[in-house]
Amino acid sequence: MIDARSILSAISSDVSCKESIVHESGEKVKWYPILKCDPAGLLLGVEQEGKWVVEAKSCLYILSEAGSFWRLVSLLEQPLNDIRSEVAEVFNKSLDVSTNIDDIFPFTDIVRSGLEFGTKHWAEKAFEWYDELLPEKKQHLRDSLTKLETAKWASQKLRQKAKKELKRMDF
């Protein structure tokens, strides 16, 4: 979750927000679009309480748990630095908020979703992003790497990479 008070208070009042109905609760919430997720056609944003949300087919989903970020695995198809730049542009220019994108954007949660998705393709894509994460962010993925190390669906190459990364964390 984003530090809602500091980020949202910095957003100028002329920035338009959207109002959508949350799929799970039927509650109507206001939120700020941040990133269009192609090719899936999803719209990622942040709601007024500071939680990440994704709009899909006119429904809004709150991304409140690590397991709920699976909807964003298609972002792994794009280079991490491209996503980082797009998000930084929205926050720093459109929303007039100066912040470190790595501290607020759920890169780690998206990588976790790819590692745990259960397919070779998404795990490989997740490792492409993983390699570019800050070392302290990689530590948050220890459980995912441990699961991947013994996953029956994973190739030997993926299992070995997970094992190698876990050993690196222990040093």
N, C-alpha and C. Protein backbone atom coordinates (compact mmCIF):
# COMPACT_ATOMS: atom_id res chain seq x y z
N MET A 1 0.84 -1.18 0.00
CA MET A 1 0.00 0.00 0.00
C MET A 1 0.89 1.24 0.00
N ILE A 2 0.46 2.22 -0.73
CA ILE A 2 1.18 3.50 -0.82
C ILE A 2 0.87 4.32 0.42
N ASP A 3 1.82 5.17 0.81
CA ASP A 3 1.56 6.14 1.87
C ASP A 3 0.57 7.15 1.30
N ALA A 4 -0.70 6.85 1.47
CA ALA A 4 -1.78 7.60 0.83
C ALA A 4 -1.77 9.08 1.16
N ARG A 5 -1.56 9.41 2.40
CA ARG A 5 -1.63 10.82 2.80
C ARG A 5 -0.61 11.67 2.07
N SER A 6 0.63 11.19 2.03
CA SER A 6 1.67 12.01 1.40
C SER A 6 1.52 12.08 -0.11
N ILE A 7 1.18 10.97 -0.74
CA ILE A 7 1.05 10.97 -2.19
C ILE A 7 -0.22 11.68 -2.63
N LEU A 8 -1.34 11.28 -2.08
CA LEU A 8 -2.61 11.84 -2.54
C LEU A 8 -2.78 13.31 -2.19
N SER A 9 -2.18 13.75 -1.11
CA SER A 9 -2.28 15.17 -0.77
C SER A 9 -1.45 16.01 -1.73
N ALA A 10 -0.46 15.39 -2.36
CA ALA A 10 0.38 16.12 -3.30
C ALA A 10 -0.23 16.21 -4.69
N ILE A 11 -1.21 15.38 -4.96
CA ILE A 11 -1.85 15.40 -6.27
C ILE A 11 -2.68 16.67 -6.39
N SER A 12 -2.43 17.39 -7.45
CA SER A 12 -3.15 18.65 -7.61
C SER A 12 -4.64 18.39 -7.80
N SER A 13 -5.44 19.32 -7.37
CA SER A 13 -6.89 19.15 -7.39
C SER A 13 -7.47 19.08 -8.80
N ASP A 14 -6.71 19.53 -9.80
CA ASP A 14 -7.24 19.50 -11.16
C ASP A 14 -7.03 18.16 -11.86
N VAL A 15 -6.35 17.22 -11.21
CA VAL A 15 -6.17 15.89 -11.81
C VAL A 15 -7.48 15.13 -11.70
N SER A 16 -7.94 14.63 -12.84
CA SER A 16 -9.23 13.94 -12.82
C SER A 16 -9.07 12.52 -12.31
N CYS A 17 -9.98 12.15 -11.45
CA CYS A 17 -10.00 10.79 -10.95
C CYS A 17 -11.19 10.07 -11.56
N LYS A 18 -11.18 8.77 -11.47
CA LYS A 18 -12.29 7.95 -11.96
C LYS A 18 -13.09 7.47 -10.77
N GLU A 19 -14.30 7.11 -11.02
CA GLU A 19 -15.14 6.52 -9.99
C GLU A 19 -15.65 5.20 -10.54
N SER A 20 -15.38 4.12 -9.81
CA SER A 20 -15.75 2.79 -10.27
C SER A 20 -16.31 1.97 -9.11
N ILE A 21 -16.97 0.90 -9.47
CA ILE A 21 -17.55 0.00 -8.47
C ILE A 21 -16.59 -1.16 -8.24
N VAL A 22 -16.25 -1.40 -6.98
CA VAL A 22 -15.36 -2.50 -6.60
C VAL A 22 -16.11 -3.81 -6.79
N HIS A 23 -15.49 -4.73 -7.50
CA HIS A 23 -16.12 -6.01 -7.83
C HIS A 23 -16.55 -6.79 -6.59
N GLU A 24 -15.68 -6.89 -5.60
CA GLU A 24 -15.94 -7.73 -4.44
C GLU A 24 -17.05 -7.18 -3.54
N SER A 25 -17.09 -5.86 -3.37
CA SER A 25 -18.01 -5.28 -2.39
C SER A 25 -19.17 -4.50 -2.99
N GLY A 26 -19.06 -4.10 -4.24
CA GLY A 26 -20.09 -3.26 -4.84
C GLY A 26 -19.97 -1.80 -4.43
N GLU A 27 -18.95 -1.49 -3.65
CA GLU A 27 -18.72 -0.13 -3.17
C GLU A 27 -18.18 0.73 -4.31
N LYS A 28 -18.60 1.99 -4.34
CA LYS A 28 -18.10 2.94 -5.33
C LYS A 28 -16.91 3.68 -4.75
N VAL A 29 -15.78 3.69 -5.47
CA VAL A 29 -14.58 4.36 -4.98
C VAL A 29 -14.00 5.27 -6.06
N LYS A 30 -13.29 6.30 -5.60
CA LYS A 30 -12.58 7.19 -6.51
C LYS A 30 -11.13 6.72 -6.57
N TRP A 31 -10.56 6.79 -7.76
CA TRP A 31 -9.19 6.35 -7.94
C TRP A 31 -8.54 7.10 -9.09
N TYR A 32 -7.20 7.08 -9.10
CA TYR A 32 -6.41 7.79 -10.09
C TYR A 32 -5.73 6.80 -11.03
N PRO A 33 -6.05 6.82 -12.32
CA PRO A 33 -5.37 5.93 -13.27
C PRO A 33 -3.88 6.28 -13.37
N ILE A 34 -3.05 5.26 -13.39
CA ILE A 34 -1.60 5.44 -13.45
C ILE A 34 -1.01 4.84 -14.72
N LEU A 35 -1.47 3.64 -15.10
CA LEU A 35 -0.81 2.91 -16.17
C LEU A 35 -1.81 2.03 -16.92
N LYS A 36 -1.77 2.12 -18.25
CA LYS A 36 -2.58 1.22 -19.08
C LYS A 36 -1.74 -0.03 -19.33
N CYS A 37 -2.32 -1.17 -19.04
CA CYS A 37 -1.60 -2.44 -19.16
C CYS A 37 -1.98 -3.13 -20.46
N ASP A 38 -1.13 -2.99 -21.46
CA ASP A 38 -1.37 -3.66 -22.74
C ASP A 38 -0.62 -4.97 -22.75
N PRO A 39 -1.04 -5.99 -23.43
CA PRO A 39 -2.21 -6.05 -24.29
C PRO A 39 -3.49 -6.43 -23.55
N ALA A 40 -3.43 -6.60 -22.27
CA ALA A 40 -4.60 -7.08 -21.52
C ALA A 40 -5.74 -6.07 -21.45
N GLY A 41 -5.47 -4.79 -21.72
CA GLY A 41 -6.52 -3.78 -21.68
C GLY A 41 -6.94 -3.39 -20.28
N LEU A 42 -6.07 -3.61 -19.32
CA LEU A 42 -6.35 -3.26 -17.94
C LEU A 42 -5.86 -1.84 -17.66
N LEU A 43 -6.44 -1.22 -16.66
CA LEU A 43 -5.99 0.10 -16.24
C LEU A 43 -5.62 0.01 -14.77
N LEU A 44 -4.36 0.29 -14.47
CA LEU A 44 -3.85 0.21 -13.10
C LEU A 44 -3.86 1.60 -12.49
N GLY A 45 -4.24 1.68 -11.23
CA GLY A 45 -4.25 2.98 -10.56
C GLY A 45 -4.17 2.83 -9.06
N VAL A 46 -4.36 3.95 -8.40
CA VAL A 46 -4.32 3.97 -6.94
C VAL A 46 -5.60 4.64 -6.45
N GLU A 47 -6.24 4.01 -5.47
CA GLU A 47 -7.47 4.59 -4.94
C GLU A 47 -7.15 5.51 -3.78
N GLN A 48 -8.15 6.23 -3.32
CA GLN A 48 -7.93 7.30 -2.36
C GLN A 48 -7.36 6.86 -1.02
N GLU A 49 -7.49 5.59 -0.68
CA GLU A 49 -6.91 5.09 0.56
C GLU A 49 -5.46 4.65 0.37
N GLY A 50 -4.97 4.71 -0.88
CA GLY A 50 -3.59 4.36 -1.16
C GLY A 50 -3.38 2.93 -1.62
N LYS A 51 -4.44 2.19 -1.86
CA LYS A 51 -4.30 0.81 -2.34
C LYS A 51 -4.26 0.81 -3.86
N TRP A 52 -3.46 -0.11 -4.39
CA TRP A 52 -3.42 -0.28 -5.83
C TRP A 52 -4.70 -0.95 -6.28
N VAL A 53 -5.21 -0.53 -7.44
CA VAL A 53 -6.43 -1.10 -8.01
C VAL A 53 -6.19 -1.36 -9.49
N VAL A 54 -6.98 -2.26 -10.04
CA VAL A 54 -6.93 -2.51 -11.48
C VAL A 54 -8.37 -2.58 -11.99
N GLU A 55 -8.60 -1.88 -13.10
CA GLU A 55 -9.92 -1.90 -13.72
C GLU A 55 -9.88 -2.85 -14.91
N ALA A 56 -10.82 -3.78 -14.92
CA ALA A 56 -10.94 -4.74 -16.00
C ALA A 56 -12.41 -4.92 -16.33
N LYS A 57 -12.75 -4.68 -17.59
CA LYS A 57 -14.14 -4.85 -18.03
C LYS A 57 -15.12 -4.12 -17.12
N SER A 58 -14.86 -2.87 -16.85
CA SER A 58 -15.73 -2.00 -16.05
C SER A 58 -15.85 -2.39 -14.59
N CYS A 59 -15.07 -3.35 -14.13
CA CYS A 59 -15.05 -3.70 -12.71
C CYS A 59 -13.70 -3.30 -12.13
N LEU A 60 -13.72 -2.89 -10.88
CA LEU A 60 -12.50 -2.48 -10.21
C LEU A 60 -12.13 -3.55 -9.18
N TYR A 61 -10.87 -3.95 -9.19
CA TYR A 61 -10.37 -4.94 -8.25
C TYR A 61 -9.30 -4.29 -7.39
N ILE A 62 -9.42 -4.45 -6.09
CA ILE A 62 -8.42 -3.92 -5.17
C ILE A 62 -7.31 -4.94 -5.02
N LEU A 63 -6.09 -4.50 -5.22
CA LEU A 63 -4.92 -5.38 -5.14
C LEU A 63 -4.34 -5.28 -3.74
N SER A 64 -5.00 -5.92 -2.81
CA SER A 64 -4.63 -5.76 -1.41
C SER A 64 -3.74 -6.87 -0.86
N GLU A 65 -3.70 -7.99 -1.54
CA GLU A 65 -2.88 -9.11 -1.08
C GLU A 65 -1.92 -9.49 -2.19
N ALA A 66 -0.82 -10.10 -1.82
CA ALA A 66 0.18 -10.49 -2.82
C ALA A 66 -0.44 -11.36 -3.92
N GLY A 67 -1.34 -12.24 -3.56
CA GLY A 67 -1.97 -13.13 -4.52
C GLY A 67 -2.91 -12.46 -5.49
N SER A 68 -3.29 -11.23 -5.23
CA SER A 68 -4.24 -10.54 -6.11
C SER A 68 -3.56 -9.84 -7.28
N PHE A 69 -2.24 -9.84 -7.30
CA PHE A 69 -1.51 -9.15 -8.36
C PHE A 69 -1.36 -9.98 -9.63
N TRP A 70 -1.92 -11.19 -9.65
CA TRP A 70 -1.84 -12.04 -10.84
C TRP A 70 -2.45 -11.36 -12.05
N ARG A 71 -3.38 -10.45 -11.83
CA ARG A 71 -4.01 -9.75 -12.95
C ARG A 71 -3.01 -8.89 -13.74
N LEU A 72 -1.86 -8.64 -13.15
CA LEU A 72 -0.88 -7.75 -13.78
C LEU A 72 0.31 -8.47 -14.39
N VAL A 73 0.28 -9.80 -14.45
CA VAL A 73 1.45 -10.51 -14.97
C VAL A 73 1.76 -10.13 -16.41
N SER A 74 0.78 -9.66 -17.17
CA SER A 74 1.05 -9.26 -18.56
C SER A 74 2.05 -8.11 -18.63
N LEU A 75 2.20 -7.35 -17.54
CA LEU A 75 3.21 -6.28 -17.51
C LEU A 75 4.62 -6.85 -17.64
N LEU A 76 4.80 -8.10 -17.23
CA LEU A 76 6.12 -8.73 -17.31
C LEU A 76 6.61 -8.89 -18.75
N GLU A 77 5.71 -8.76 -19.71
CA GLU A 77 6.08 -8.83 -21.13
C GLU A 77 6.90 -7.62 -21.55
N GLN A 78 6.78 -6.53 -20.80
CA GLN A 78 7.50 -5.30 -21.14
C GLN A 78 8.73 -5.17 -20.25
N PRO A 79 9.77 -4.51 -20.75
CA PRO A 79 10.95 -4.31 -19.91
C PRO A 79 10.61 -3.50 -18.65
N LEU A 80 11.19 -3.90 -17.54
CA LEU A 80 10.94 -3.23 -16.27
C LEU A 80 11.21 -1.73 -16.35
N ASN A 81 12.30 -1.35 -17.00
CA ASN A 81 12.64 0.07 -17.07
C ASN A 81 11.63 0.88 -17.87
N ASP A 82 10.96 0.25 -18.85
CA ASP A 82 9.90 0.95 -19.59
C ASP A 82 8.72 1.24 -18.66
N ILE A 83 8.34 0.25 -17.86
CA ILE A 83 7.24 0.45 -16.91
C ILE A 83 7.64 1.49 -15.87
N ARG A 84 8.86 1.38 -15.37
CA ARG A 84 9.37 2.32 -14.38
C ARG A 84 9.29 3.76 -14.93
N SER A 85 9.69 3.94 -16.18
CA SER A 85 9.66 5.27 -16.80
C SER A 85 8.24 5.79 -16.97
N GLU A 86 7.33 4.92 -17.42
CA GLU A 86 5.93 5.33 -17.59
C GLU A 86 5.31 5.76 -16.27
N VAL A 87 5.54 4.97 -15.24
CA VAL A 87 4.97 5.29 -13.93
C VAL A 87 5.59 6.56 -13.37
N ALA A 88 6.89 6.70 -13.53
CA ALA A 88 7.58 7.91 -13.05
C ALA A 88 7.03 9.15 -13.74
N GLU A 89 6.78 9.03 -15.03
CA GLU A 89 6.24 10.17 -15.78
C GLU A 89 4.87 10.58 -15.25
N VAL A 90 4.02 9.60 -14.98
CA VAL A 90 2.69 9.91 -14.45
C VAL A 90 2.79 10.59 -13.10
N PHE A 91 3.59 10.01 -12.19
CA PHE A 91 3.70 10.59 -10.86
C PHE A 91 4.40 11.94 -10.87
N ASN A 92 5.51 12.03 -11.58
CA ASN A 92 6.32 13.24 -11.52
C ASN A 92 5.80 14.38 -12.39
N LYS A 93 5.15 14.06 -13.51
CA LYS A 93 4.68 15.12 -14.39
C LYS A 93 3.18 15.32 -14.30
N SER A 94 2.42 14.28 -14.61
CA SER A 94 0.97 14.42 -14.64
C SER A 94 0.38 14.70 -13.26
N LEU A 95 0.87 13.98 -12.25
CA LEU A 95 0.32 14.15 -10.90
C LEU A 95 1.12 15.13 -10.06
N ASP A 96 2.25 15.59 -10.58
CA ASP A 96 3.10 16.56 -9.88
C ASP A 96 3.51 16.05 -8.49
N VAL A 97 3.91 14.78 -8.44
CA VAL A 97 4.35 14.16 -7.19
C VAL A 97 5.79 13.69 -7.39
N SER A 98 6.70 14.18 -6.59
CA SER A 98 8.09 13.72 -6.66
C SER A 98 8.28 12.60 -5.65
N THR A 99 8.63 11.43 -6.16
CA THR A 99 8.80 10.28 -5.29
C THR A 99 9.68 9.24 -5.98
N ASN A 100 10.25 8.34 -5.20
CA ASN A 100 11.01 7.23 -5.75
C ASN A 100 10.03 6.14 -6.15
N ILE A 101 9.93 5.88 -7.43
CA ILE A 101 8.96 4.93 -7.96
C ILE A 101 9.16 3.54 -7.38
N ASP A 102 10.40 3.14 -7.13
CA ASP A 102 10.66 1.81 -6.57
C ASP A 102 10.09 1.65 -5.17
N ASP A 103 9.87 2.75 -4.48
CA ASP A 103 9.30 2.69 -3.13
C ASP A 103 7.78 2.56 -3.14
N ILE A 104 7.13 2.95 -4.22
CA ILE A 104 5.67 2.96 -4.19
C ILE A 104 5.00 2.00 -5.16
N PHE A 105 5.65 1.69 -6.28
CA PHE A 105 5.02 0.83 -7.28
C PHE A 105 5.22 -0.64 -6.90
N PRO A 106 4.21 -1.49 -7.13
CA PRO A 106 4.29 -2.89 -6.68
C PRO A 106 5.10 -3.82 -7.60
N PHE A 107 6.31 -3.40 -7.95
CA PHE A 107 7.15 -4.25 -8.80
C PHE A 107 7.35 -5.63 -8.19
N THR A 108 7.64 -5.67 -6.91
CA THR A 108 7.91 -6.94 -6.22
C THR A 108 6.69 -7.85 -6.25
N ASP A 109 5.51 -7.28 -6.05
CA ASP A 109 4.28 -8.09 -6.07
C ASP A 109 4.01 -8.67 -7.45
N ILE A 110 4.33 -7.91 -8.49
CA ILE A 110 4.13 -8.39 -9.86
C ILE A 110 5.12 -9.52 -10.16
N VAL A 111 6.37 -9.36 -9.74
CA VAL A 111 7.37 -10.42 -9.92
C VAL A 111 6.94 -11.67 -9.15
N ARG A 112 6.47 -11.50 -7.93
CA ARG A 112 5.99 -12.64 -7.13
C ARG A 112 4.88 -13.38 -7.87
N SER A 113 3.96 -12.64 -8.45
CA SER A 113 2.86 -13.27 -9.18
C SER A 113 3.37 -14.08 -10.36
N GLY A 114 4.37 -13.55 -11.06
CA GLY A 114 4.95 -14.29 -12.17
C GLY A 114 5.67 -15.55 -11.73
N LEU A 115 6.42 -15.45 -10.64
CA LEU A 115 7.15 -16.61 -10.12
C LEU A 115 6.20 -17.70 -9.63
N GLU A 116 5.05 -17.29 -9.12
CA GLU A 116 4.11 -18.25 -8.53
C GLU A 116 2.94 -18.59 -9.46
N PHE A 117 2.93 -18.05 -10.66
CA PHE A 117 1.80 -18.24 -11.57
C PHE A 117 1.60 -19.70 -11.97
N GLY A 118 2.69 -20.44 -12.01
CA GLY A 118 2.58 -21.87 -12.31
C GLY A 118 2.91 -22.23 -13.74
N THR A 119 3.51 -21.29 -14.48
CA THR A 119 3.92 -21.60 -15.84
C THR A 119 5.36 -21.16 -16.06
N LYS A 120 6.03 -21.90 -16.93
CA LYS A 120 7.42 -21.59 -17.26
C LYS A 120 7.53 -20.18 -17.85
N HIS A 121 6.61 -19.83 -18.74
CA HIS A 121 6.67 -18.53 -19.41
C HIS A 121 6.68 -17.38 -18.41
N TRP A 122 5.72 -17.36 -17.49
CA TRP A 122 5.63 -16.23 -16.56
C TRP A 122 6.77 -16.23 -15.56
N ALA A 123 7.25 -17.40 -15.19
CA ALA A 123 8.40 -17.45 -14.27
C ALA A 123 9.65 -16.88 -14.94
N GLU A 124 9.85 -17.22 -16.21
CA GLU A 124 11.00 -16.68 -16.93
C GLU A 124 10.90 -15.16 -17.07
N LYS A 125 9.70 -14.68 -17.40
CA LYS A 125 9.49 -13.22 -17.51
C LYS A 125 9.70 -12.55 -16.16
N ALA A 126 9.25 -13.19 -15.10
CA ALA A 126 9.42 -12.62 -13.76
C ALA A 126 10.90 -12.52 -13.40
N PHE A 127 11.69 -13.50 -13.81
CA PHE A 127 13.14 -13.44 -13.54
C PHE A 127 13.80 -12.29 -14.29
N GLU A 128 13.29 -11.94 -15.46
CA GLU A 128 13.84 -10.78 -16.18
C GLU A 128 13.69 -9.51 -15.34
N TRP A 129 12.54 -9.36 -14.71
CA TRP A 129 12.32 -8.20 -13.83
C TRP A 129 13.11 -8.37 -12.53
N TYR A 130 13.11 -9.58 -12.00
CA TYR A 130 13.81 -9.86 -10.74
C TYR A 130 15.26 -9.39 -10.82
N ASP A 131 15.91 -9.67 -11.94
CA ASP A 131 17.32 -9.31 -12.10
C ASP A 131 17.55 -7.81 -11.99
N GLU A 132 16.52 -7.00 -12.24
CA GLU A 132 16.65 -5.55 -12.19
C GLU A 132 16.14 -4.92 -10.89
N LEU A 133 15.60 -5.74 -10.00
CA LEU A 133 15.12 -5.22 -8.73
C LEU A 133 16.27 -4.84 -7.81
N LEU A 134 16.00 -3.91 -6.92
CA LEU A 134 16.99 -3.55 -5.90
C LEU A 134 17.18 -4.74 -4.96
N PRO A 135 18.40 -4.95 -4.42
CA PRO A 135 18.66 -6.10 -3.55
C PRO A 135 17.68 -6.22 -2.38
N GLU A 136 17.30 -5.11 -1.76
CA GLU A 136 16.37 -5.19 -0.63
C GLU A 136 14.97 -5.63 -1.06
N LYS A 137 14.60 -5.37 -2.32
CA LYS A 137 13.31 -5.82 -2.84
C LYS A 137 13.34 -7.32 -3.12
N LYS A 138 14.50 -7.80 -3.57
CA LYS A 138 14.65 -9.23 -3.86
C LYS A 138 14.43 -10.08 -2.60
N GLN A 139 14.82 -9.56 -1.46
CA GLN A 139 14.65 -10.29 -0.19
C GLN A 139 13.19 -10.64 0.07
N HIS A 140 12.28 -9.80 -0.41
CA HIS A 140 10.85 -10.04 -0.20
C HIS A 140 10.32 -11.22 -1.03
N LEU A 141 11.15 -11.73 -1.91
CA LEU A 141 10.72 -12.81 -2.79
C LEU A 141 11.28 -14.18 -2.38
N ARG A 142 11.87 -14.25 -1.20
CA ARG A 142 12.46 -15.49 -0.72
C ARG A 142 11.45 -16.65 -0.74
N ASP A 143 10.24 -16.44 -0.24
CA ASP A 143 9.24 -17.51 -0.21
C ASP A 143 8.88 -17.99 -1.62
N SER A 144 8.76 -17.04 -2.54
CA SER A 144 8.42 -17.40 -3.92
C SER A 144 9.54 -18.22 -4.55
N LEU A 145 10.78 -17.84 -4.29
CA LEU A 145 11.92 -18.59 -4.83
C LEU A 145 11.99 -19.98 -4.22
N THR A 146 11.68 -20.09 -2.94
CA THR A 146 11.68 -21.39 -2.27
C THR A 146 10.62 -22.30 -2.90
N LYS A 147 9.44 -21.77 -3.17
CA LYS A 147 8.39 -22.56 -3.83
C LYS A 147 8.82 -22.98 -5.23
N LEU A 148 9.43 -22.05 -5.95
CA LEU A 148 9.85 -22.33 -7.32
C LEU A 148 10.95 -23.39 -7.36
N GLU A 149 11.81 -23.38 -6.38
CA GLU A 149 12.93 -24.32 -6.32
C GLU A 149 12.46 -25.78 -6.33
N THR A 150 11.27 -26.03 -5.81
CA THR A 150 10.76 -27.41 -5.74
C THR A 150 9.50 -27.63 -6.59
N ALA A 151 9.12 -26.64 -7.38
CA ALA A 151 7.89 -26.75 -8.17
C ALA A 151 8.02 -27.82 -9.26
N LYS A 152 7.05 -28.71 -9.32
CA LYS A 152 7.05 -29.79 -10.31
C LYS A 152 6.90 -29.25 -11.73
N TRP A 153 6.15 -28.17 -11.90
CA TRP A 153 5.90 -27.61 -13.23
C TRP A 153 7.12 -26.87 -13.79
N ALA A 154 8.04 -26.45 -12.91
CA ALA A 154 9.17 -25.63 -13.33
C ALA A 154 10.26 -26.46 -14.00
N SER A 155 10.89 -25.87 -14.99
CA SER A 155 12.00 -26.55 -15.67
C SER A 155 13.20 -26.63 -14.72
N GLN A 156 14.13 -27.50 -15.05
CA GLN A 156 15.33 -27.63 -14.23
C GLN A 156 16.08 -26.30 -14.18
N LYS A 157 16.13 -25.61 -15.30
CA LYS A 157 16.81 -24.32 -15.37
C LYS A 157 16.19 -23.31 -14.40
N LEU A 158 14.87 -23.25 -14.35
CA LEU A 158 14.18 -22.33 -13.42
C LEU A 158 14.44 -22.71 -11.97
N ARG A 159 14.37 -24.00 -11.68
CA ARG A 159 14.61 -24.45 -10.31
C ARG A 159 16.04 -24.13 -9.87
N GLN A 160 16.99 -24.32 -10.77
CA GLN A 160 18.38 -24.02 -10.45
C GLN A 160 18.60 -22.52 -10.25
N LYS A 161 17.94 -21.70 -11.06
CA LYS A 161 18.07 -20.25 -10.90
C LYS A 161 17.49 -19.82 -9.55
N ALA A 162 16.36 -20.39 -9.17
CA ALA A 162 15.77 -20.07 -7.87
C ALA A 162 16.72 -20.47 -6.74
N LYS A 163 17.30 -21.65 -6.86
CA LYS A 163 18.25 -22.13 -5.84
C LYS A 163 19.46 -21.21 -5.75
N LYS A 164 19.98 -20.79 -6.90
CA LYS A 164 21.13 -19.89 -6.95
C LYS A 164 20.81 -18.55 -6.27
N GLU A 165 19.63 -18.01 -6.54
CA GLU A 165 19.24 -16.73 -5.93
C GLU A 165 19.05 -16.86 -4.43
N LEU A 166 18.53 -17.98 -3.98
CA LEU A 166 18.38 -18.21 -2.54
C LEU A 166 19.74 -18.28 -1.86
N LYS A 167 20.71 -18.93 -2.50
CA LYS A 167 22.06 -19.00 -1.94
C LYS A 167 22.67 -17.60 -1.86
N ARG A 168 22.44 -16.79 -2.88
CA ARG A 168 22.94 -15.42 -2.89
C ARG A 168 22.39 -14.61 -1.72
N MET A 169 21.13 -14.85 -1.40
CA MET A 169 20.49 -14.13 -0.29
C MET A 169 21.10 -14.50 1.05
N ASP A 170 21.60 -15.72 1.13
CA ASP A 170 22.16 -16.19 2.40
C ASP A 170 23.56 -15.66 2.67
N PHE A 171 24.17 -15.03 1.68
CA PHE A 171 25.53 -14.48 1.88
C PHE A 171 25.49 -13.04 2.26
